[in-house]
PDB file of N, CA and C in Angstrom:
ATOM      1  N   MET A   1      34.873  34.302  -7.390  1.00  0.00           N
ATOM      2  CA  MET A   1      36.212  33.945  -6.968  1.00  0.00           C
ATOM      3  C   MET A   1      36.281  33.741  -5.451  1.00  0.00           C
ATOM      4  N   LEU A   2      35.636  34.641  -4.693  1.00  0.00           N
ATOM      5  CA  LEU A   2      35.643  34.534  -3.235  1.00  0.00           C
ATOM      6  C   LEU A   2      34.964  33.246  -2.785  1.00  0.00           C
ATOM      7  N   LYS A   3      33.827  32.896  -3.412  1.00  0.00           N
ATOM      8  CA  LYS A   3      33.119  31.667  -3.038  1.00  0.00           C
ATOM      9  C   LYS A   3      34.008  30.444  -3.274  1.00  0.00           C
ATOM     10  N   ARG A   4      34.731  30.481  -4.379  1.00  0.00           N
ATOM     11  CA  ARG A   4      35.625  29.356  -4.698  1.00  0.00           C
ATOM     12  C   ARG A   4      36.739  29.240  -3.649  1.00  0.00           C
ATOM     13  N   SER A   5      37.308  30.371  -3.237  1.00  0.00           N
ATOM     14  CA  SER A   5      38.370  30.360  -2.227  1.00  0.00           C
ATOM     15  C   SER A   5      37.869  29.842  -0.892  1.00  0.00           C
ATOM     16  N   VAL A   6      36.674  30.271  -0.506  1.00  0.00           N
ATOM     17  CA  VAL A   6      36.090  29.806   0.757  1.00  0.00           C
ATOM     18  C   VAL A   6      35.832  28.306   0.680  1.00  0.00           C
ATOM     19  N   PHE A   7      35.316  27.819  -0.455  1.00  0.00           N
ATOM     20  CA  PHE A   7      35.062  26.394  -0.624  1.00  0.00           C
ATOM     21  C   PHE A   7      36.360  25.595  -0.506  1.00  0.00           C
ATOM     22  N   VAL A   8      37.416  26.055  -1.170  1.00  0.00           N
ATOM     23  CA  VAL A   8      38.715  25.366  -1.102  1.00  0.00           C
ATOM     24  C   VAL A   8      39.217  25.355   0.334  1.00  0.00           C
ATOM     25  N   GLY A   9      39.050  26.474   1.043  1.00  0.00           N
ATOM     26  CA  GLY A   9      39.457  26.546   2.451  1.00  0.00           C
ATOM     27  C   GLY A   9      38.735  25.522   3.300  1.00  0.00           C
ATOM     28  N   PHE A  10      37.423  25.398   3.108  1.00  0.00           N
ATOM     29  CA  PHE A  10      36.659  24.417   3.884  1.00  0.00           C
ATOM     30  C   PHE A  10      37.063  22.986   3.551  1.00  0.00           C
ATOM     31  N   VAL A  11      37.353  22.708   2.294  1.00  0.00           N
ATOM     32  CA  VAL A  11      37.806  21.368   1.903  1.00  0.00           C
ATOM     33  C   VAL A  11      39.130  21.053   2.591  1.00  0.00           C
ATOM     34  N   LEU A  12      40.047  22.011   2.581  1.00  0.00           N
ATOM     35  CA  LEU A  12      41.344  21.788   3.229  1.00  0.00           C
ATOM     36  C   LEU A  12      41.179  21.587   4.730  1.00  0.00           C
ATOM     37  N   LEU A  13      40.293  22.347   5.363  1.00  0.00           N
ATOM     38  CA  LEU A  13      40.043  22.163   6.793  1.00  0.00           C
ATOM     39  C   LEU A  13      39.437  20.791   7.078  1.00  0.00           C
ATOM     40  N   ALA A  14      38.593  20.310   6.187  1.00  0.00           N
ATOM     41  CA  ALA A  14      37.982  18.993   6.372  1.00  0.00           C
ATOM     42  C   ALA A  14      39.015  17.882   6.268  1.00  0.00           C
ATOM     43  N   LEU A  15      40.044  18.084   5.473  1.00  0.00           N
ATOM     44  CA  LEU A  15      41.084  17.070   5.302  1.00  0.00           C
ATOM     45  C   LEU A  15      42.118  17.092   6.415  1.00  0.00           C
ATOM     46  N   ALA A  16      42.176  18.148   7.183  1.00  0.00           N
ATOM     47  CA  ALA A  16      43.203  18.283   8.226  1.00  0.00           C
ATOM     48  C   ALA A  16      43.261  17.098   9.186  1.00  0.00           C
ATOM     49  N   PRO A  17      42.124  16.558   9.666  1.00  0.00           N
ATOM     50  CA  PRO A  17      42.221  15.426  10.589  1.00  0.00           C
ATOM     51  C   PRO A  17      42.788  14.155   9.959  1.00  0.00           C
ATOM     52  N   LEU A  18      42.855  14.092   8.636  1.00  0.00           N
ATOM     53  CA  LEU A  18      43.329  12.890   7.964  1.00  0.00           C
ATOM     54  C   LEU A  18      44.845  12.805   7.886  1.00  0.00           C
ATOM     55  N   ASN A  19      45.532  13.873   8.247  1.00  0.00           N
ATOM     56  CA  ASN A  19      46.989  13.820   8.176  1.00  0.00           C
ATOM     57  C   ASN A  19      47.579  13.838   9.575  1.00  0.00           C
ATOM     58  N   ASP A  20      48.883  13.747   9.645  1.00  0.00           N
ATOM     59  CA  ASP A  20      49.564  13.753  10.927  1.00  0.00           C
ATOM     60  C   ASP A  20      50.023  15.159  11.284  1.00  0.00           C
ATOM     61  N   GLY A  21      49.493  16.145  10.567  1.00  0.00           N
ATOM     62  CA  GLY A  21      49.887  17.526  10.773  1.00  0.00           C
ATOM     63  C   GLY A  21      49.553  18.008  12.166  1.00  0.00           C
ATOM     64  N   ALA A  22      50.291  18.986  12.612  1.00  0.00           N
ATOM     65  CA  ALA A  22      50.123  19.467  13.973  1.00  0.00           C
ATOM     66  C   ALA A  22      49.602  20.894  14.011  1.00  0.00           C
ATOM     67  N   CYS A  23      49.143  21.424  12.880  1.00  0.00           N
ATOM     68  CA  CYS A  23      48.617  22.786  12.831  1.00  0.00           C
ATOM     69  C   CYS A  23      47.226  22.791  12.211  1.00  0.00           C
ATOM     70  N   TRP A  24      46.443  23.789  12.591  1.00  0.00           N
ATOM     71  CA  TRP A  24      45.110  23.957  12.022  1.00  0.00           C
ATOM     72  C   TRP A  24      44.785  25.436  11.978  1.00  0.00           C
ATOM     73  N   GLN A  25      43.788  25.767  11.131  1.00  0.00           N
ATOM     74  CA  GLN A  25      43.397  27.157  10.949  1.00  0.00           C
ATOM     75  C   GLN A  25      41.884  27.277  10.953  1.00  0.00           C
ATOM     76  N   GLY A  26      41.424  28.464  11.262  1.00  0.00           N
ATOM     77  CA  GLY A  26      39.998  28.754  11.204  1.00  0.00           C
ATOM     78  C   GLY A  26      39.788  30.152  10.649  1.00  0.00           C
ATOM     79  N   LEU A  27      38.910  30.259   9.649  1.00  0.00           N
ATOM     80  CA  LEU A  27      38.582  31.556   9.058  1.00  0.00           C
ATOM     81  C   LEU A  27      37.552  32.258   9.927  1.00  0.00           C
ATOM     82  N   HIS A  28      37.560  33.580   9.903  1.00  0.00           N
ATOM     83  CA  HIS A  28      36.499  34.320  10.564  1.00  0.00           C
ATOM     84  C   HIS A  28      36.102  35.511   9.714  1.00  0.00           C
ATOM     85  N   LYS A  29      35.014  36.173  10.090  1.00  0.00           N
ATOM     86  CA  LYS A  29      34.444  37.261   9.294  1.00  0.00           C
ATOM     87  C   LYS A  29      35.413  38.430   9.158  1.00  0.00           C
ATOM     88  N   LYS A  30      35.347  39.058   7.996  1.00  0.00           N
ATOM     89  CA  LYS A  30      36.152  40.257   7.751  1.00  0.00           C
ATOM     90  C   LYS A  30      35.738  41.333   8.754  1.00  0.00           C
ATOM     91  N   GLY A  31      36.711  42.017   9.297  1.00  0.00           N
ATOM     92  CA  GLY A  31      36.428  43.057  10.270  1.00  0.00           C
ATOM     93  C   GLY A  31      36.435  42.573  11.707  1.00  0.00           C
ATOM     94  N   THR A  32      36.669  41.284  11.912  1.00  0.00           N
ATOM     95  CA  THR A  32      36.741  40.737  13.264  1.00  0.00           C
ATOM     96  C   THR A  32      37.934  41.351  13.989  1.00  0.00           C
ATOM     97  N   THR A  33      37.741  41.695  15.251  1.00  0.00           N
ATOM     98  CA  THR A  33      38.822  42.338  16.014  1.00  0.00           C
ATOM     99  C   THR A  33      39.461  41.397  17.024  1.00  0.00           C
ATOM    100  N   ARG A  34      38.910  40.185  17.163  1.00  0.00           N
ATOM    101  CA  ARG A  34      39.478  39.229  18.112  1.00  0.00           C
ATOM    102  C   ARG A  34      39.116  37.800  17.715  1.00  0.00           C
ATOM    103  N   CYS A  35      39.842  36.848  18.296  1.00  0.00           N
ATOM    104  CA  CYS A  35      39.647  35.418  18.032  1.00  0.00           C
ATOM    105  C   CYS A  35      39.393  34.713  19.364  1.00  0.00           C
ATOM    106  N   MET A  36      38.590  33.633  19.314  1.00  0.00           N
ATOM    107  CA  MET A  36      38.359  32.853  20.525  1.00  0.00           C
ATOM    108  C   MET A  36      39.149  31.551  20.463  1.00  0.00           C
ATOM    109  N   ASP A  37      39.924  31.299  21.507  1.00  0.00           N
ATOM    110  CA  ASP A  37      40.656  30.045  21.657  1.00  0.00           C
ATOM    111  C   ASP A  37      39.628  28.973  22.016  1.00  0.00           C
ATOM    112  N   SER A  38      39.477  27.968  21.167  1.00  0.00           N
ATOM    113  CA  SER A  38      38.457  26.946  21.388  1.00  0.00           C
ATOM    114  C   SER A  38      38.778  26.014  22.554  1.00  0.00           C
ATOM    115  N   VAL A  39      40.023  25.981  22.993  1.00  0.00           N
ATOM    116  CA  VAL A  39      40.405  25.138  24.135  1.00  0.00           C
ATOM    117  C   VAL A  39      40.064  25.826  25.452  1.00  0.00           C
ATOM    118  N   ASP A  40      40.535  27.048  25.604  1.00  0.00           N
ATOM    119  CA  ASP A  40      40.359  27.773  26.868  1.00  0.00           C
ATOM    120  C   ASP A  40      39.136  28.689  26.888  1.00  0.00           C
ATOM    121  N   LYS A  41      38.509  28.875  25.717  1.00  0.00           N
ATOM    122  CA  LYS A  41      37.356  29.785  25.599  1.00  0.00           C
ATOM    123  C   LYS A  41      37.735  31.210  25.987  1.00  0.00           C
ATOM    124  N   THR A  42      38.956  31.619  25.641  1.00  0.00           N
ATOM    125  CA  THR A  42      39.429  32.979  25.916  1.00  0.00           C
ATOM    126  C   THR A  42      39.511  33.757  24.604  1.00  0.00           C
ATOM    127  N   TRP A  43      39.363  35.061  24.702  1.00  0.00           N
ATOM    128  CA  TRP A  43      39.404  35.936  23.536  1.00  0.00           C
ATOM    129  C   TRP A  43      40.770  36.606  23.431  1.00  0.00           C
ATOM    130  N   HIS A  44      41.252  36.781  22.190  1.00  0.00           N
ATOM    131  CA  HIS A  44      42.565  37.372  21.941  1.00  0.00           C
ATOM    132  C   HIS A  44      42.454  38.361  20.782  1.00  0.00           C
ATOM    133  N   PRO A  45      43.051  39.541  20.901  1.00  0.00           N
ATOM    134  CA  PRO A  45      42.947  40.548  19.838  1.00  0.00           C
ATOM    135  C   PRO A  45      43.722  40.165  18.575  1.00  0.00           C
ATOM    136  N   VAL A  46      43.261  40.668  17.444  1.00  0.00           N
ATOM    137  CA  VAL A  46      43.961  40.476  16.167  1.00  0.00           C
ATOM    138  C   VAL A  46      45.396  40.971  16.327  1.00  0.00           C
ATOM    139  N   GLY A  47      46.336  40.192  15.833  1.00  0.00           N
ATOM    140  CA  GLY A  47      47.750  40.534  15.914  1.00  0.00           C
ATOM    141  C   GLY A  47      48.450  39.890  17.103  1.00  0.00           C
ATOM    142  N   SER A  48      47.696  39.202  17.950  1.00  0.00           N
ATOM    143  CA  SER A  48      48.308  38.603  19.144  1.00  0.00           C
ATOM    144  C   SER A  48      48.653  37.136  18.929  1.00  0.00           C
ATOM    145  N   SER A  49      49.563  36.653  19.763  1.00  0.00           N
ATOM    146  CA  SER A  49      49.962  35.246  19.806  1.00  0.00           C
ATOM    147  C   SER A  49      49.910  34.801  21.255  1.00  0.00           C
ATOM    148  N   TRP A  50      49.633  33.509  21.493  1.00  0.00           N
ATOM    149  CA  TRP A  50      49.550  32.987  22.852  1.00  0.00           C
ATOM    150  C   TRP A  50      49.735  31.480  22.849  1.00  0.00           C
ATOM    151  N   THR A  51      49.977  30.938  24.009  1.00  0.00           N
ATOM    152  CA  THR A  51      50.031  29.494  24.223  1.00  0.00           C
ATOM    153  C   THR A  51      48.923  29.156  25.202  1.00  0.00           C
ATOM    154  N   ASN A  52      48.031  28.230  24.813  1.00  0.00           N
ATOM    155  CA  ASN A  52      46.896  27.909  25.689  1.00  0.00           C
ATOM    156  C   ASN A  52      47.243  26.789  26.680  1.00  0.00           C
ATOM    157  N   SER A  53      46.256  26.373  27.450  1.00  0.00           N
ATOM    158  CA  SER A  53      46.475  25.410  28.533  1.00  0.00           C
ATOM    159  C   SER A  53      46.841  23.998  28.051  1.00  0.00           C
ATOM    160  N   LYS A  54      46.668  23.703  26.769  1.00  0.00           N
ATOM    161  CA  LYS A  54      47.082  22.408  26.204  1.00  0.00           C
ATOM    162  C   LYS A  54      48.356  22.564  25.374  1.00  0.00           C
ATOM    163  N   CYS A  55      49.053  23.691  25.587  1.00  0.00           N
ATOM    164  CA  CYS A  55      50.341  23.981  24.947  1.00  0.00           C
ATOM    165  C   CYS A  55      50.249  24.218  23.451  1.00  0.00           C
ATOM    166  N   ASN A  56      49.050  24.507  22.937  1.00  0.00           N
ATOM    167  CA  ASN A  56      48.910  24.883  21.536  1.00  0.00           C
ATOM    168  C   ASN A  56      49.394  26.317  21.384  1.00  0.00           C
ATOM    169  N   LYS A  57      50.207  26.561  20.356  1.00  0.00           N
ATOM    170  CA  LYS A  57      50.708  27.908  20.077  1.00  0.00           C
ATOM    171  C   LYS A  57      49.816  28.507  18.998  1.00  0.00           C
ATOM    172  N   CYS A  58      49.142  29.610  19.340  1.00  0.00           N
ATOM    173  CA  CYS A  58      48.126  30.180  18.451  1.00  0.00           C
ATOM    174  C   CYS A  58      48.454  31.611  18.060  1.00  0.00           C
ATOM    175  N   ARG A  59      47.849  32.039  16.944  1.00  0.00           N
ATOM    176  CA  ARG A  59      47.993  33.403  16.452  1.00  0.00           C
ATOM    177  C   ARG A  59      46.658  33.841  15.873  1.00  0.00           C
ATOM    178  N   CYS A  60      46.272  35.075  16.189  1.00  0.00           N
ATOM    179  CA  CYS A  60      45.042  35.666  15.663  1.00  0.00           C
ATOM    180  C   CYS A  60      45.412  36.731  14.646  1.00  0.00           C
ATOM    181  N   ASP A  61      45.027  36.535  13.393  1.00  0.00           N
ATOM    182  CA  ASP A  61      45.254  37.520  12.338  1.00  0.00           C
ATOM    183  C   ASP A  61      43.913  38.061  11.865  1.00  0.00           C
ATOM    184  N   ALA A  62      43.942  39.056  10.986  1.00  0.00           N
ATOM    185  CA  ALA A  62      42.731  39.760  10.569  1.00  0.00           C
ATOM    186  C   ALA A  62      41.676  38.841   9.942  1.00  0.00           C
ATOM    187  N   ASP A  63      42.084  37.807   9.239  1.00  0.00           N
ATOM    188  CA  ASP A  63      41.111  36.955   8.567  1.00  0.00           C
ATOM    189  C   ASP A  63      41.184  35.481   8.959  1.00  0.00           C
ATOM    190  N   ILE A  64      42.146  35.127   9.805  1.00  0.00           N
ATOM    191  CA  ILE A  64      42.329  33.711  10.137  1.00  0.00           C
ATOM    192  C   ILE A  64      42.982  33.555  11.510  1.00  0.00           C
ATOM    193  N   MET A  65      42.608  32.493  12.195  1.00  0.00           N
ATOM    194  CA  MET A  65      43.283  32.126  13.431  1.00  0.00           C
ATOM    195  C   MET A  65      43.977  30.790  13.179  1.00  0.00           C
ATOM    196  N   SER A  66      45.231  30.668  13.596  1.00  0.00           N
ATOM    197  CA  SER A  66      45.957  29.420  13.390  1.00  0.00           C
ATOM    198  C   SER A  66      46.576  28.972  14.702  1.00  0.00           C
ATOM    199  N   CYS A  67      46.630  27.652  14.880  1.00  0.00           N
ATOM    200  CA  CYS A  67      47.241  27.060  16.068  1.00  0.00           C
ATOM    201  C   CYS A  67      48.075  25.855  15.644  1.00  0.00           C
ATOM    202  N   CYS A  68      49.135  25.605  16.393  1.00  0.00           N
ATOM    203  CA  CYS A  68      49.982  24.434  16.184  1.00  0.00           C
ATOM    204  C   CYS A  68      50.239  23.769  17.527  1.00  0.00           C
ATOM    205  N   ASP A  69      50.348  22.457  17.506  1.00  0.00           N
ATOM    206  CA  ASP A  69      50.664  21.726  18.732  1.00  0.00           C
ATOM    207  C   ASP A  69      52.001  22.179  19.271  1.00  0.00           C
ATOM    208  N   GLY A  70      52.071  22.402  20.568  1.00  0.00           N
ATOM    209  CA  GLY A  70      53.332  22.704  21.224  1.00  0.00           C
ATOM    210  C   GLY A  70      53.951  21.454  21.818  1.00  0.00           C
ATOM    211  N   LEU A  71      53.166  20.391  21.863  1.00  0.00           N
ATOM    212  CA  LEU A  71      53.626  19.078  22.328  1.00  0.00           C
ATOM    213  C   LEU A  71      53.347  18.068  21.222  1.00  0.00           C
ATOM    214  N   PRO A  72      54.036  16.959  21.197  1.00  0.00           N
ATOM    215  CA  PRO A  72      53.788  15.950  20.155  1.00  0.00           C
ATOM    216  C   PRO A  72      52.360  15.423  20.213  1.00  0.00           C
ATOM    217  N   SER A  73      51.785  15.171  19.040  1.00  0.00           N
ATOM    218  CA  SER A  73      50.451  14.597  18.989  1.00  0.00           C
ATOM    219  C   SER A  73      50.502  13.078  19.128  1.00  0.00           C
ATOM    220  N   SER A  74      51.675  12.499  18.928  1.00  0.00           N
ATOM    221  CA  SER A  74      51.840  11.052  19.030  1.00  0.00           C
ATOM    222  C   SER A  74      53.257  10.748  19.505  1.00  0.00           C
ATOM    223  N   VAL A  75      53.363   9.939  20.556  1.00  0.00           N
ATOM    224  CA  VAL A  75      54.661   9.524  21.075  1.00  0.00           C
ATOM    225  C   VAL A  75      54.708   8.001  21.023  1.00  0.00           C
ATOM    226  N   HIS A  76      55.761   7.463  20.423  1.00  0.00           N
ATOM    227  CA  HIS A  76      55.914   6.015  20.283  1.00  0.00           C
ATOM    228  C   HIS A  76      56.998   5.521  21.235  1.00  0.00           C
ATOM    229  N   TYR A  77      56.658   4.500  22.031  1.00  0.00           N
ATOM    230  CA  TYR A  77      57.590   3.959  23.021  1.00  0.00           C
ATOM    231  C   TYR A  77      57.195   2.518  23.308  1.00  0.00           C
ATOM    232  N   SER A  78      58.069   1.772  23.975  1.00  0.00           N
ATOM    233  CA  SER A  78      57.809   0.356  24.252  1.00  0.00           C
ATOM    234  C   SER A  78      56.736   0.190  25.334  1.00  0.00           C
ATOM    235  N   GLU A  79      56.187  -1.015  25.420  1.00  0.00           N
ATOM    236  CA  GLU A  79      55.081  -1.304  26.335  1.00  0.00           C
ATOM    237  C   GLU A  79      55.439  -1.148  27.814  1.00  0.00           C
ATOM    238  N   ASP A  80      56.705  -1.293  28.151  1.00  0.00           N
ATOM    239  CA  ASP A  80      57.095  -1.187  29.558  1.00  0.00           C
ATOM    240  C   ASP A  80      57.365   0.272  29.964  1.00  0.00           C
ATOM    241  N   CYS A  81      57.026   1.198  29.081  1.00  0.00           N
ATOM    242  CA  CYS A  81      57.237   2.619  29.357  1.00  0.00           C
ATOM    243  C   CYS A  81      55.903   3.367  29.330  1.00  0.00           C
ATOM    244  N   THR A  82      55.930   4.597  29.801  1.00  0.00           N
ATOM    245  CA  THR A  82      54.745   5.450  29.776  1.00  0.00           C
ATOM    246  C   THR A  82      55.178   6.889  29.504  1.00  0.00           C
ATOM    247  N   VAL A  83      54.246   7.694  29.031  1.00  0.00           N
ATOM    248  CA  VAL A  83      54.529   9.104  28.763  1.00  0.00           C
ATOM    249  C   VAL A  83      53.731   9.959  29.750  1.00  0.00           C
ATOM    250  N   GLU A  84      54.355  11.029  30.198  1.00  0.00           N
ATOM    251  CA  GLU A  84      53.691  11.957  31.117  1.00  0.00           C
ATOM    252  C   GLU A  84      53.865  13.369  30.568  1.00  0.00           C
ATOM    253  N   TYR A  85      52.727  14.052  30.348  1.00  0.00           N
ATOM    254  CA  TYR A  85      52.753  15.420  29.847  1.00  0.00           C
ATOM    255  C   TYR A  85      52.674  16.392  31.012  1.00  0.00           C
ATOM    256  N   ASP A  86      53.440  17.469  30.928  1.00  0.00           N
ATOM    257  CA  ASP A  86      53.372  18.555  31.897  1.00  0.00           C
ATOM    258  C   ASP A  86      52.868  19.782  31.143  1.00  0.00           C
ATOM    259  N   TYR A  87      51.551  20.043  31.261  1.00  0.00           N
ATOM    260  CA  TYR A  87      50.950  21.146  30.524  1.00  0.00           C
ATOM    261  C   TYR A  87      51.314  22.508  31.116  1.00  0.00           C
ATOM    262  N   ASN A  88      51.810  22.556  32.329  1.00  0.00           N
ATOM    263  CA  ASN A  88      52.251  23.832  32.904  1.00  0.00           C
ATOM    264  C   ASN A  88      53.575  24.277  32.287  1.00  0.00           C
ATOM    265  N   ALA A  89      54.481  23.330  32.051  1.00  0.00           N
ATOM    266  CA  ALA A  89      55.786  23.644  31.465  1.00  0.00           C
ATOM    267  C   ALA A  89      55.835  23.354  29.958  1.00  0.00           C
ATOM    268  N   CYS A  90      54.765  22.753  29.424  1.00  0.00           N
ATOM    269  CA  CYS A  90      54.705  22.350  28.011  1.00  0.00           C
ATOM    270  C   CYS A  90      55.877  21.436  27.653  1.00  0.00           C
ATOM    271  N   THR A  91      56.064  20.417  28.482  1.00  0.00           N
ATOM    272  CA  THR A  91      57.094  19.404  28.254  1.00  0.00           C
ATOM    273  C   THR A  91      56.480  18.021  28.455  1.00  0.00           C
ATOM    274  N   TYR A  92      57.238  17.001  28.129  1.00  0.00           N
ATOM    275  CA  TYR A  92      56.807  15.632  28.391  1.00  0.00           C
ATOM    276  C   TYR A  92      58.023  14.778  28.690  1.00  0.00           C
ATOM    277  N   LYS A  93      57.781  13.671  29.392  1.00  0.00           N
ATOM    278  CA  LYS A  93      58.842  12.712  29.713  1.00  0.00           C
ATOM    279  C   LYS A  93      58.322  11.320  29.409  1.00  0.00           C
ATOM    280  N   VAL A  94      59.227  10.463  28.937  1.00  0.00           N
ATOM    281  CA  VAL A  94      58.907   9.059  28.698  1.00  0.00           C
ATOM    282  C   VAL A  94      59.843   8.260  29.594  1.00  0.00           C
ATOM    283  N   PHE A  95      59.257   7.438  30.459  1.00  0.00           N
ATOM    284  CA  PHE A  95      60.055   6.690  31.430  1.00  0.00           C
ATOM    285  C   PHE A  95      59.468   5.309  31.653  1.00  0.00           C
ATOM    286  N   GLN A  96      60.258   4.444  32.272  1.00  0.00           N
ATOM    287  CA  GLN A  96      59.795   3.085  32.564  1.00  0.00           C
ATOM    288  C   GLN A  96      58.687   3.121  33.608  1.00  0.00           C
ATOM    289  N   LYS A  97      57.683   2.285  33.412  1.00  0.00           N
ATOM    290  CA  LYS A  97      56.557   2.212  34.352  1.00  0.00           C
ATOM    291  C   LYS A  97      57.030   1.786  35.738  1.00  0.00           C
ATOM    292  N   SER A  98      57.999   0.904  35.781  1.00  0.00           N
ATOM    293  CA  SER A  98      58.458   0.359  37.056  1.00  0.00           C
ATOM    294  C   SER A  98      59.412   1.278  37.812  1.00  0.00           C
ATOM    295  N   ASP A  99      60.029   2.232  37.073  1.00  0.00           N
ATOM    296  CA  ASP A  99      60.997   3.132  37.715  1.00  0.00           C
ATOM    297  C   ASP A  99      61.048   4.448  36.936  1.00  0.00           C
ATOM    298  N   ARG A 100      60.404   5.462  37.482  1.00  0.00           N
ATOM    299  CA  ARG A 100      60.308   6.772  36.816  1.00  0.00           C
ATOM    300  C   ARG A 100      61.671   7.429  36.578  1.00  0.00           C
ATOM    301  N   SER A 101      62.715   6.951  37.241  1.00  0.00           N
ATOM    302  CA  SER A 101      64.031   7.566  37.069  1.00  0.00           C
ATOM    303  C   SER A 101      64.764   7.050  35.822  1.00  0.00           C
ATOM    304  N   ILE A 102      64.210   6.023  35.170  1.00  0.00           N
ATOM    305  CA  ILE A 102      64.845   5.453  33.978  1.00  0.00           C
ATOM    306  C   ILE A 102      64.110   5.936  32.735  1.00  0.00           C
ATOM    307  N   PRO A 103      64.753   6.808  31.945  1.00  0.00           N
ATOM    308  CA  PRO A 103      64.110   7.294  30.724  1.00  0.00           C
ATOM    309  C   PRO A 103      64.024   6.196  29.666  1.00  0.00           C
ATOM    310  N   CYS A 104      63.036   6.300  28.791  1.00  0.00           N
ATOM    311  CA  CYS A 104      62.854   5.335  27.717  1.00  0.00           C
ATOM    312  C   CYS A 104      63.144   5.981  26.376  1.00  0.00           C
ATOM    313  N   PRO A 105      63.731   5.230  25.447  1.00  0.00           N
ATOM    314  CA  PRO A 105      63.893   5.736  24.098  1.00  0.00           C
ATOM    315  C   PRO A 105      62.498   5.867  23.459  1.00  0.00           C
ATOM    316  N   HIS A 106      62.319   6.899  22.654  1.00  0.00           N
ATOM    317  CA  HIS A 106      61.017   7.120  22.033  1.00  0.00           C
ATOM    318  C   HIS A 106      61.165   7.982  20.792  1.00  0.00           C
ATOM    319  N   SER A 107      60.109   8.030  20.025  1.00  0.00           N
ATOM    320  CA  SER A 107      60.028   8.962  18.896  1.00  0.00           C
ATOM    321  C   SER A 107      58.709   9.704  19.036  1.00  0.00           C
ATOM    322  N   ALA A 108      58.637  10.877  18.442  1.00  0.00           N
ATOM    323  CA  ALA A 108      57.441  11.702  18.578  1.00  0.00           C
ATOM    324  C   ALA A 108      57.089  12.330  17.228  1.00  0.00           C
ATOM    325  N   VAL A 109      55.790  12.572  17.032  1.00  0.00           N
ATOM    326  CA  VAL A 109      55.285  13.189  15.810  1.00  0.00           C
ATOM    327  C   VAL A 109      54.434  14.383  16.197  1.00  0.00           C
ATOM    328  N   GLY A 110      54.624  15.484  15.508  1.00  0.00           N
ATOM    329  CA  GLY A 110      53.682  16.582  15.639  1.00  0.00           C
ATOM    330  C   GLY A 110      54.125  17.808  16.386  1.00  0.00           C
ATOM    331  N   LYS A 111      55.310  17.877  16.890  1.00  0.00           N
ATOM    332  CA  LYS A 111      55.704  19.095  17.592  1.00  0.00           C
ATOM    333  C   LYS A 111      56.390  20.038  16.648  1.00  0.00           C
TER     334      LYS A 111
END
């Protein structure tokens, strides 16, 4: 039964990049006391939550680590506009290329 569950978990993890989902998970060995953030290469104790330098919101649990995008994974806007991410504040702005003071209408996926 355990082998089957692990296999199903790996299949689901393999399919994750095929969707527009903004969350992912990673299994770790039973008895693990901490998780490593793959973005910042920092360690976090089981039971903790944090936001890393790319604004991913993560949680370390006894058997799994999960993270979700804190910023959109895809922003749609017109060609005369651009998007700027602020990873310190975990925000973004979409504005006209010719004048940063003019915001652009946009849609976003993944936050």
